[in-house]
Structure formats: structure tokens, C-alpha cells
Amino acid sequence: MDGYSRIIVGVDGSEQSRKALEYACTAAAESGAEVVALSTWTEPPLPIDPPFGSFPWGVSSTMREAVTQLVEGVVDDAEAGHPDVKIHRRIEPGNAAQALIEASKEADLVVVGSHGHGGFAGMLLGSVSQHVVAHSSCTVAVVR
């Protein structure tokens, strides 16, 4: 695990993403790398049936706050177990796979869980991990 300076890890609060963050922190401790815990959020689609319109004011900020709290809790747990590792929090709107693929352009390693919250039983990889493996600009570790 030598040679890493920046490790990106996808965090969605699932058990698999917690394992991925643990793996990333272990790799970072061995290589002296920094870790970026990346999470995304998306707004639900607007209704296509009447009444048309938009979401109530503040829905976006509420969703961002919920994701921020989730990431804070997961990262706080990881920091407690790895006080020597610098973990940055990155939360942004958008698609998780696309954000991880974009972040891979400035990373040495991307770590993802094999499944997130939306995994179907029996699948070897979730859709986000499949996209990241197929399109990442750097090495990808998939953690089970």
C-alpha cells in the first residue's frame, strides 16, 4: 500500500461503506495518505401529476444537513480508531458514481463498498461500485 497520497472513499452510512472507510484509513496509516470521505445527495424528482410545482422551500438544505450529519458520525467513528489519519469530509449534490469517478482524477486510490443501501441480494457489486470500477482514473478497491 505504498505510494498513496490521497485516498477517496465513498460513504453512504451502510455497513459496507463503513468497512470501506476502515480499509481506506488502514491504507492511509500505512502510506501517510490523506483520506477524503465523499458522500452525495440528490433531490427526489418533481411530481409529474397535478399539483405541479416545486418542493417546499428548504428541502435541499434539509437533505444536505441529513447527509452531513450521517457523514460526520461515520467519520468521527473512523477518526477515533485512526487518530493519526487526516480525514476530510466532502459532501456534494449529485450522483454518487459520477462524483467518485470525477474525484478519482485527483486520487491514487478509490475505495468503495461492494453494496450500498440500494443493493439487491445476490448481486456481486452494486451499481455505484460497478460504475466506479469501470470508469475510475485510478486504482479501485472494492470492500466486502
N, C-alpha and C. Protein backbone atom coordinates (compact mmCIF):
# COMPACT_ATOMS: atom_id res chain seq x y z
N MET A 1 0.82 -1.19 0.00
CA MET A 1 0.00 0.00 0.00
C MET A 1 0.86 1.26 0.00
N ASP A 2 2.08 1.15 -0.49
CA ASP A 2 2.95 2.32 -0.56
C ASP A 2 2.59 3.21 -1.72
N GLY A 3 2.94 4.48 -1.61
CA GLY A 3 2.79 5.38 -2.72
C GLY A 3 1.49 6.15 -2.78
N TYR A 4 0.59 5.96 -1.86
CA TYR A 4 -0.67 6.70 -1.88
C TYR A 4 -0.48 8.04 -1.18
N SER A 5 -1.05 9.09 -1.77
CA SER A 5 -1.07 10.37 -1.07
C SER A 5 -2.50 10.85 -0.82
N ARG A 6 -3.43 10.42 -1.68
CA ARG A 6 -4.84 10.78 -1.49
C ARG A 6 -5.72 9.57 -1.80
N ILE A 7 -6.56 9.24 -0.83
CA ILE A 7 -7.48 8.12 -0.97
C ILE A 7 -8.90 8.66 -0.84
N ILE A 8 -9.72 8.39 -1.84
CA ILE A 8 -11.13 8.79 -1.83
C ILE A 8 -11.94 7.58 -1.41
N VAL A 9 -12.90 7.77 -0.53
CA VAL A 9 -13.76 6.65 -0.12
C VAL A 9 -15.22 7.10 -0.15
N GLY A 10 -16.05 6.28 -0.78
CA GLY A 10 -17.48 6.57 -0.84
C GLY A 10 -18.15 6.18 0.46
N VAL A 11 -18.88 7.13 1.04
CA VAL A 11 -19.54 6.90 2.33
C VAL A 11 -21.03 7.20 2.18
N ASP A 12 -21.86 6.18 2.49
CA ASP A 12 -23.32 6.39 2.46
C ASP A 12 -23.99 5.95 3.77
N GLY A 13 -23.20 5.57 4.75
CA GLY A 13 -23.73 5.14 6.03
C GLY A 13 -24.00 3.66 6.12
N SER A 14 -23.94 2.94 5.00
CA SER A 14 -24.16 1.49 5.03
C SER A 14 -22.99 0.79 5.70
N GLU A 15 -23.22 -0.44 6.12
CA GLU A 15 -22.16 -1.22 6.75
C GLU A 15 -20.98 -1.40 5.80
N GLN A 16 -21.27 -1.61 4.51
CA GLN A 16 -20.19 -1.78 3.53
C GLN A 16 -19.36 -0.50 3.39
N SER A 17 -20.00 0.65 3.43
CA SER A 17 -19.23 1.90 3.31
C SER A 17 -18.41 2.16 4.56
N ARG A 18 -18.89 1.71 5.71
CA ARG A 18 -18.10 1.83 6.94
C ARG A 18 -16.86 0.95 6.86
N LYS A 19 -17.02 -0.24 6.28
CA LYS A 19 -15.87 -1.13 6.08
C LYS A 19 -14.90 -0.52 5.06
N ALA A 20 -15.44 0.12 4.04
CA ALA A 20 -14.59 0.77 3.04
C ALA A 20 -13.78 1.90 3.68
N LEU A 21 -14.40 2.68 4.56
CA LEU A 21 -13.69 3.75 5.25
C LEU A 21 -12.62 3.18 6.16
N GLU A 22 -12.90 2.10 6.83
CA GLU A 22 -11.90 1.44 7.69
C GLU A 22 -10.71 0.99 6.84
N TYR A 23 -10.98 0.37 5.69
CA TYR A 23 -9.92 -0.07 4.78
C TYR A 23 -9.09 1.13 4.33
N ALA A 24 -9.76 2.22 3.95
CA ALA A 24 -9.06 3.42 3.48
C ALA A 24 -8.18 4.01 4.58
N CYS A 25 -8.67 4.02 5.81
CA CYS A 25 -7.89 4.56 6.93
C CYS A 25 -6.67 3.69 7.21
N THR A 26 -6.82 2.39 7.12
CA THR A 26 -5.68 1.48 7.32
C THR A 26 -4.63 1.72 6.24
N ALA A 27 -5.07 1.83 4.99
CA ALA A 27 -4.15 2.09 3.88
C ALA A 27 -3.47 3.45 4.06
N ALA A 28 -4.22 4.44 4.51
CA ALA A 28 -3.66 5.78 4.72
C ALA A 28 -2.63 5.78 5.84
N ALA A 29 -2.90 5.05 6.91
CA ALA A 29 -1.96 4.98 8.03
C ALA A 29 -0.64 4.34 7.59
N GLU A 30 -0.73 3.35 6.71
CA GLU A 30 0.48 2.67 6.23
C GLU A 30 1.26 3.50 5.22
N SER A 31 0.58 4.37 4.48
CA SER A 31 1.24 5.10 3.41
C SER A 31 1.41 6.60 3.68
N GLY A 32 0.79 7.09 4.75
CA GLY A 32 0.86 8.52 5.05
C GLY A 32 -0.09 9.36 4.20
N ALA A 33 -1.07 8.73 3.60
CA ALA A 33 -2.02 9.42 2.73
C ALA A 33 -3.09 10.14 3.54
N GLU A 34 -3.74 11.09 2.88
CA GLU A 34 -4.94 11.69 3.44
C GLU A 34 -6.15 10.97 2.85
N VAL A 35 -7.23 10.96 3.61
CA VAL A 35 -8.47 10.30 3.18
C VAL A 35 -9.53 11.37 2.97
N VAL A 36 -10.29 11.20 1.89
CA VAL A 36 -11.43 12.07 1.63
C VAL A 36 -12.68 11.20 1.65
N ALA A 37 -13.54 11.42 2.65
CA ALA A 37 -14.81 10.70 2.75
C ALA A 37 -15.82 11.47 1.92
N LEU A 38 -16.26 10.87 0.81
CA LEU A 38 -17.13 11.54 -0.15
C LEU A 38 -18.54 10.96 -0.08
N SER A 39 -19.51 11.85 0.03
CA SER A 39 -20.91 11.43 0.03
C SER A 39 -21.70 12.42 -0.82
N THR A 40 -22.77 11.92 -1.42
CA THR A 40 -23.60 12.78 -2.26
C THR A 40 -25.05 12.68 -1.83
N TRP A 41 -25.84 13.58 -2.33
CA TRP A 41 -27.28 13.56 -2.09
C TRP A 41 -27.98 14.07 -3.34
N THR A 42 -29.17 13.58 -3.54
CA THR A 42 -29.98 14.06 -4.67
C THR A 42 -31.38 14.37 -4.18
N GLU A 43 -31.98 15.34 -4.84
CA GLU A 43 -33.36 15.67 -4.52
C GLU A 43 -34.26 14.66 -5.21
N PRO A 44 -35.38 14.32 -4.60
CA PRO A 44 -36.31 13.43 -5.29
C PRO A 44 -36.87 14.13 -6.52
N PRO A 45 -37.33 13.37 -7.52
CA PRO A 45 -37.87 14.01 -8.73
C PRO A 45 -39.14 14.80 -8.41
N LEU A 46 -39.35 15.82 -9.19
CA LEU A 46 -40.56 16.63 -9.04
C LEU A 46 -41.78 15.82 -9.48
N PRO A 47 -42.92 16.07 -8.91
CA PRO A 47 -44.13 15.34 -9.31
C PRO A 47 -44.50 15.65 -10.75
N ILE A 48 -44.97 14.62 -11.46
CA ILE A 48 -45.39 14.83 -12.84
C ILE A 48 -46.91 14.93 -12.96
N ASP A 49 -47.59 14.67 -11.88
CA ASP A 49 -49.05 14.80 -11.85
C ASP A 49 -49.42 16.04 -11.05
N PRO A 50 -50.59 16.58 -11.33
CA PRO A 50 -51.02 17.75 -10.55
C PRO A 50 -51.09 17.42 -9.07
N PRO A 51 -50.78 18.29 -8.17
CA PRO A 51 -50.38 19.66 -8.46
C PRO A 51 -48.90 19.74 -8.83
N PHE A 52 -48.60 20.38 -9.96
CA PHE A 52 -47.23 20.58 -10.39
C PHE A 52 -46.60 21.63 -9.50
N GLY A 53 -45.34 21.75 -9.59
CA GLY A 53 -44.69 22.79 -8.82
C GLY A 53 -43.32 22.37 -8.38
N SER A 54 -42.93 22.87 -7.26
CA SER A 54 -41.60 22.60 -6.75
C SER A 54 -41.71 22.07 -5.33
N PHE A 55 -40.57 21.70 -4.81
CA PHE A 55 -40.53 21.23 -3.42
C PHE A 55 -40.68 22.42 -2.48
N PRO A 56 -41.16 22.16 -1.30
CA PRO A 56 -41.25 23.25 -0.32
C PRO A 56 -39.87 23.85 -0.08
N TRP A 57 -39.85 25.11 0.20
CA TRP A 57 -38.61 25.83 0.47
C TRP A 57 -37.82 25.11 1.56
N GLY A 58 -36.53 24.89 1.31
CA GLY A 58 -35.67 24.30 2.34
C GLY A 58 -35.45 22.80 2.21
N VAL A 59 -36.12 22.13 1.27
CA VAL A 59 -35.93 20.68 1.15
C VAL A 59 -34.48 20.35 0.85
N SER A 60 -33.83 21.09 -0.05
CA SER A 60 -32.44 20.84 -0.41
C SER A 60 -31.53 20.96 0.80
N SER A 61 -31.70 22.02 1.56
CA SER A 61 -30.83 22.22 2.71
C SER A 61 -31.08 21.15 3.78
N THR A 62 -32.30 20.70 3.92
CA THR A 62 -32.61 19.65 4.88
C THR A 62 -31.94 18.34 4.48
N MET A 63 -31.97 18.02 3.20
CA MET A 63 -31.33 16.79 2.73
C MET A 63 -29.82 16.88 2.92
N ARG A 64 -29.24 18.01 2.58
CA ARG A 64 -27.80 18.20 2.76
C ARG A 64 -27.42 18.07 4.23
N GLU A 65 -28.22 18.65 5.11
CA GLU A 65 -27.94 18.57 6.55
C GLU A 65 -27.99 17.12 7.03
N ALA A 66 -28.95 16.35 6.55
CA ALA A 66 -29.06 14.94 6.95
C ALA A 66 -27.84 14.15 6.50
N VAL A 67 -27.40 14.36 5.27
CA VAL A 67 -26.22 13.66 4.77
C VAL A 67 -24.98 14.11 5.53
N THR A 68 -24.89 15.40 5.82
CA THR A 68 -23.75 15.92 6.57
C THR A 68 -23.67 15.28 7.95
N GLN A 69 -24.79 15.16 8.63
CA GLN A 69 -24.81 14.52 9.96
C GLN A 69 -24.41 13.05 9.87
N LEU A 70 -24.89 12.37 8.85
CA LEU A 70 -24.54 10.96 8.66
C LEU A 70 -23.04 10.82 8.46
N VAL A 71 -22.46 11.63 7.57
CA VAL A 71 -21.03 11.55 7.29
C VAL A 71 -20.23 11.92 8.52
N GLU A 72 -20.65 12.95 9.23
CA GLU A 72 -19.94 13.35 10.46
C GLU A 72 -19.86 12.18 11.44
N GLY A 73 -20.97 11.49 11.64
CA GLY A 73 -20.97 10.36 12.58
C GLY A 73 -20.06 9.23 12.14
N VAL A 74 -20.11 8.88 10.86
CA VAL A 74 -19.27 7.80 10.33
C VAL A 74 -17.80 8.18 10.41
N VAL A 75 -17.48 9.40 10.02
CA VAL A 75 -16.08 9.85 10.04
C VAL A 75 -15.58 10.00 11.47
N ASP A 76 -16.41 10.50 12.37
CA ASP A 76 -15.99 10.61 13.77
C ASP A 76 -15.61 9.23 14.33
N ASP A 77 -16.38 8.21 13.99
CA ASP A 77 -16.06 6.85 14.43
C ASP A 77 -14.71 6.40 13.86
N ALA A 78 -14.49 6.68 12.59
CA ALA A 78 -13.23 6.29 11.94
C ALA A 78 -12.04 7.04 12.54
N GLU A 79 -12.23 8.31 12.81
CA GLU A 79 -11.15 9.11 13.41
C GLU A 79 -10.78 8.61 14.79
N ALA A 80 -11.76 8.14 15.54
CA ALA A 80 -11.49 7.61 16.88
C ALA A 80 -10.58 6.38 16.80
N GLY A 81 -10.77 5.57 15.77
CA GLY A 81 -9.95 4.38 15.60
C GLY A 81 -8.63 4.63 14.88
N HIS A 82 -8.51 5.78 14.22
CA HIS A 82 -7.31 6.12 13.45
C HIS A 82 -6.94 7.58 13.69
N PRO A 83 -6.52 7.94 14.90
CA PRO A 83 -6.25 9.35 15.19
C PRO A 83 -5.09 9.93 14.39
N ASP A 84 -4.26 9.08 13.82
CA ASP A 84 -3.11 9.55 13.04
C ASP A 84 -3.46 9.84 11.58
N VAL A 85 -4.68 9.55 11.15
CA VAL A 85 -5.08 9.73 9.75
C VAL A 85 -5.93 10.99 9.62
N LYS A 86 -5.58 11.83 8.65
CA LYS A 86 -6.36 13.03 8.37
C LYS A 86 -7.50 12.65 7.42
N ILE A 87 -8.75 12.84 7.87
CA ILE A 87 -9.92 12.51 7.06
C ILE A 87 -10.68 13.80 6.76
N HIS A 88 -10.80 14.11 5.48
CA HIS A 88 -11.57 15.27 5.03
C HIS A 88 -12.98 14.80 4.71
N ARG A 89 -13.94 15.65 4.93
CA ARG A 89 -15.34 15.36 4.59
C ARG A 89 -15.70 16.14 3.33
N ARG A 90 -16.31 15.45 2.39
CA ARG A 90 -16.74 16.12 1.15
C ARG A 90 -18.16 15.66 0.83
N ILE A 91 -19.07 16.62 0.86
CA ILE A 91 -20.48 16.33 0.62
C ILE A 91 -20.94 17.24 -0.50
N GLU A 92 -21.53 16.63 -1.53
CA GLU A 92 -21.95 17.43 -2.67
C GLU A 92 -23.22 16.86 -3.28
N PRO A 93 -23.99 17.72 -3.95
CA PRO A 93 -25.18 17.21 -4.63
C PRO A 93 -24.78 16.44 -5.88
N GLY A 94 -25.56 15.46 -6.24
CA GLY A 94 -25.31 14.75 -7.49
C GLY A 94 -25.30 13.25 -7.34
N ASN A 95 -24.87 12.60 -8.40
CA ASN A 95 -24.82 11.16 -8.50
C ASN A 95 -23.54 10.64 -7.83
N ALA A 96 -23.67 9.63 -6.98
CA ALA A 96 -22.52 9.10 -6.23
C ALA A 96 -21.44 8.55 -7.14
N ALA A 97 -21.82 7.73 -8.11
CA ALA A 97 -20.83 7.14 -9.01
C ALA A 97 -20.08 8.22 -9.78
N GLN A 98 -20.81 9.19 -10.30
CA GLN A 98 -20.18 10.25 -11.08
C GLN A 98 -19.23 11.08 -10.21
N ALA A 99 -19.62 11.37 -8.98
CA ALA A 99 -18.77 12.15 -8.09
C ALA A 99 -17.49 11.38 -7.75
N LEU A 100 -17.60 10.08 -7.50
CA LEU A 100 -16.42 9.27 -7.20
C LEU A 100 -15.50 9.16 -8.41
N ILE A 101 -16.08 9.01 -9.59
CA ILE A 101 -15.28 8.92 -10.82
C ILE A 101 -14.55 10.25 -11.05
N GLU A 102 -15.23 11.35 -10.87
CA GLU A 102 -14.60 12.66 -11.03
C GLU A 102 -13.48 12.85 -10.00
N ALA A 103 -13.74 12.46 -8.75
CA ALA A 103 -12.73 12.59 -7.68
C ALA A 103 -11.53 11.69 -7.94
N SER A 104 -11.73 10.59 -8.65
CA SER A 104 -10.63 9.66 -8.91
C SER A 104 -9.53 10.30 -9.76
N LYS A 105 -9.84 11.38 -10.46
CA LYS A 105 -8.85 12.06 -11.29
C LYS A 105 -7.75 12.71 -10.46
N GLU A 106 -8.04 12.94 -9.17
CA GLU A 106 -7.07 13.58 -8.29
C GLU A 106 -6.73 12.69 -7.10
N ALA A 107 -6.81 11.38 -7.31
CA ALA A 107 -6.57 10.42 -6.23
C ALA A 107 -5.65 9.31 -6.69
N ASP A 108 -5.09 8.61 -5.73
CA ASP A 108 -4.26 7.45 -6.02
C ASP A 108 -5.05 6.16 -5.84
N LEU A 109 -6.13 6.24 -5.06
CA LEU A 109 -6.94 5.07 -4.76
C LEU A 109 -8.36 5.53 -4.45
N VAL A 110 -9.34 4.80 -4.97
CA VAL A 110 -10.73 5.00 -4.60
C VAL A 110 -11.19 3.71 -3.93
N VAL A 111 -11.84 3.85 -2.79
CA VAL A 111 -12.35 2.70 -2.05
C VAL A 111 -13.86 2.81 -1.95
N VAL A 112 -14.54 1.74 -2.33
CA VAL A 112 -16.00 1.69 -2.25
C VAL A 112 -16.41 0.37 -1.61
N GLY A 113 -17.58 0.38 -1.00
CA GLY A 113 -18.16 -0.87 -0.51
C GLY A 113 -18.76 -1.63 -1.68
N SER A 114 -18.87 -2.93 -1.52
CA SER A 114 -19.41 -3.73 -2.62
C SER A 114 -20.88 -3.42 -2.87
N HIS A 115 -21.60 -2.99 -1.83
CA HIS A 115 -23.01 -2.61 -1.95
C HIS A 115 -23.27 -1.45 -1.01
N GLY A 116 -24.15 -0.59 -1.42
CA GLY A 116 -24.60 0.48 -0.54
C GLY A 116 -25.97 0.12 0.00
N HIS A 117 -26.75 1.13 0.28
CA HIS A 117 -28.09 0.91 0.81
C HIS A 117 -29.03 0.29 -0.20
N GLY A 118 -28.75 0.46 -1.49
CA GLY A 118 -29.70 0.00 -2.50
C GLY A 118 -29.39 -1.36 -3.09
N GLY A 119 -28.47 -2.11 -2.48
CA GLY A 119 -28.04 -3.38 -3.08
C GLY A 119 -29.14 -4.43 -3.11
N PHE A 120 -29.16 -5.19 -4.20
CA PHE A 120 -30.09 -6.32 -4.33
C PHE A 120 -29.39 -7.59 -3.89
N ALA A 121 -30.08 -8.43 -3.16
CA ALA A 121 -29.50 -9.69 -2.71
C ALA A 121 -29.03 -10.50 -3.90
N GLY A 122 -27.85 -11.09 -3.77
CA GLY A 122 -27.32 -11.95 -4.81
C GLY A 122 -26.42 -11.24 -5.81
N MET A 123 -26.44 -9.91 -5.85
CA MET A 123 -25.56 -9.20 -6.77
C MET A 123 -24.16 -9.17 -6.19
N LEU A 124 -23.16 -9.33 -7.05
CA LEU A 124 -21.77 -9.28 -6.59
C LEU A 124 -21.34 -7.86 -6.30
N LEU A 125 -21.81 -6.90 -7.12
CA LEU A 125 -21.47 -5.50 -6.94
C LEU A 125 -22.73 -4.65 -7.09
N GLY A 126 -22.76 -3.56 -6.35
CA GLY A 126 -23.84 -2.60 -6.52
C GLY A 126 -23.56 -1.74 -7.75
N SER A 127 -24.53 -0.96 -8.15
CA SER A 127 -24.39 -0.16 -9.37
C SER A 127 -23.31 0.91 -9.23
N VAL A 128 -23.20 1.54 -8.07
CA VAL A 128 -22.18 2.57 -7.89
C VAL A 128 -20.79 1.94 -8.00
N SER A 129 -20.56 0.84 -7.28
CA SER A 129 -19.24 0.21 -7.35
C SER A 129 -18.91 -0.25 -8.76
N GLN A 130 -19.89 -0.78 -9.48
CA GLN A 130 -19.66 -1.21 -10.87
C GLN A 130 -19.22 -0.04 -11.74
N HIS A 131 -19.91 1.08 -11.63
CA HIS A 131 -19.55 2.26 -12.43
C HIS A 131 -18.17 2.77 -12.07
N VAL A 132 -17.86 2.81 -10.79
CA VAL A 132 -16.56 3.32 -10.36
C VAL A 132 -15.44 2.40 -10.87
N VAL A 133 -15.61 1.09 -10.73
CA VAL A 133 -14.61 0.15 -11.21
C VAL A 133 -14.40 0.32 -12.72
N ALA A 134 -15.46 0.50 -13.46
CA ALA A 134 -15.37 0.59 -14.91
C ALA A 134 -14.78 1.91 -15.41
N HIS A 135 -14.95 3.00 -14.65
CA HIS A 135 -14.61 4.31 -15.20
C HIS A 135 -13.61 5.13 -14.37
N SER A 136 -13.10 4.61 -13.28
CA SER A 136 -12.19 5.36 -12.43
C SER A 136 -10.87 5.65 -13.14
N SER A 137 -10.28 6.78 -12.80
CA SER A 137 -8.99 7.17 -13.35
C SER A 137 -7.82 6.60 -12.54
N CYS A 138 -8.12 5.92 -11.44
CA CYS A 138 -7.05 5.36 -10.61
C CYS A 138 -7.48 3.98 -10.12
N THR A 139 -6.65 3.37 -9.31
CA THR A 139 -6.93 2.06 -8.74
C THR A 139 -8.18 2.13 -7.86
N VAL A 140 -8.97 1.06 -7.90
CA VAL A 140 -10.19 1.00 -7.09
C VAL A 140 -10.12 -0.27 -6.22
N ALA A 141 -10.43 -0.10 -4.95
CA ALA A 141 -10.57 -1.24 -4.04
C ALA A 141 -12.05 -1.37 -3.68
N VAL A 142 -12.59 -2.56 -3.87
CA VAL A 142 -13.99 -2.82 -3.51
C VAL A 142 -13.96 -3.69 -2.27
N VAL A 143 -14.58 -3.21 -1.21
CA VAL A 143 -14.53 -3.87 0.10
C VAL A 143 -15.86 -4.56 0.39
N ARG A 144 -15.76 -5.81 0.84
CA ARG A 144 -16.95 -6.58 1.24
C ARG A 144 -17.06 -6.63 2.74
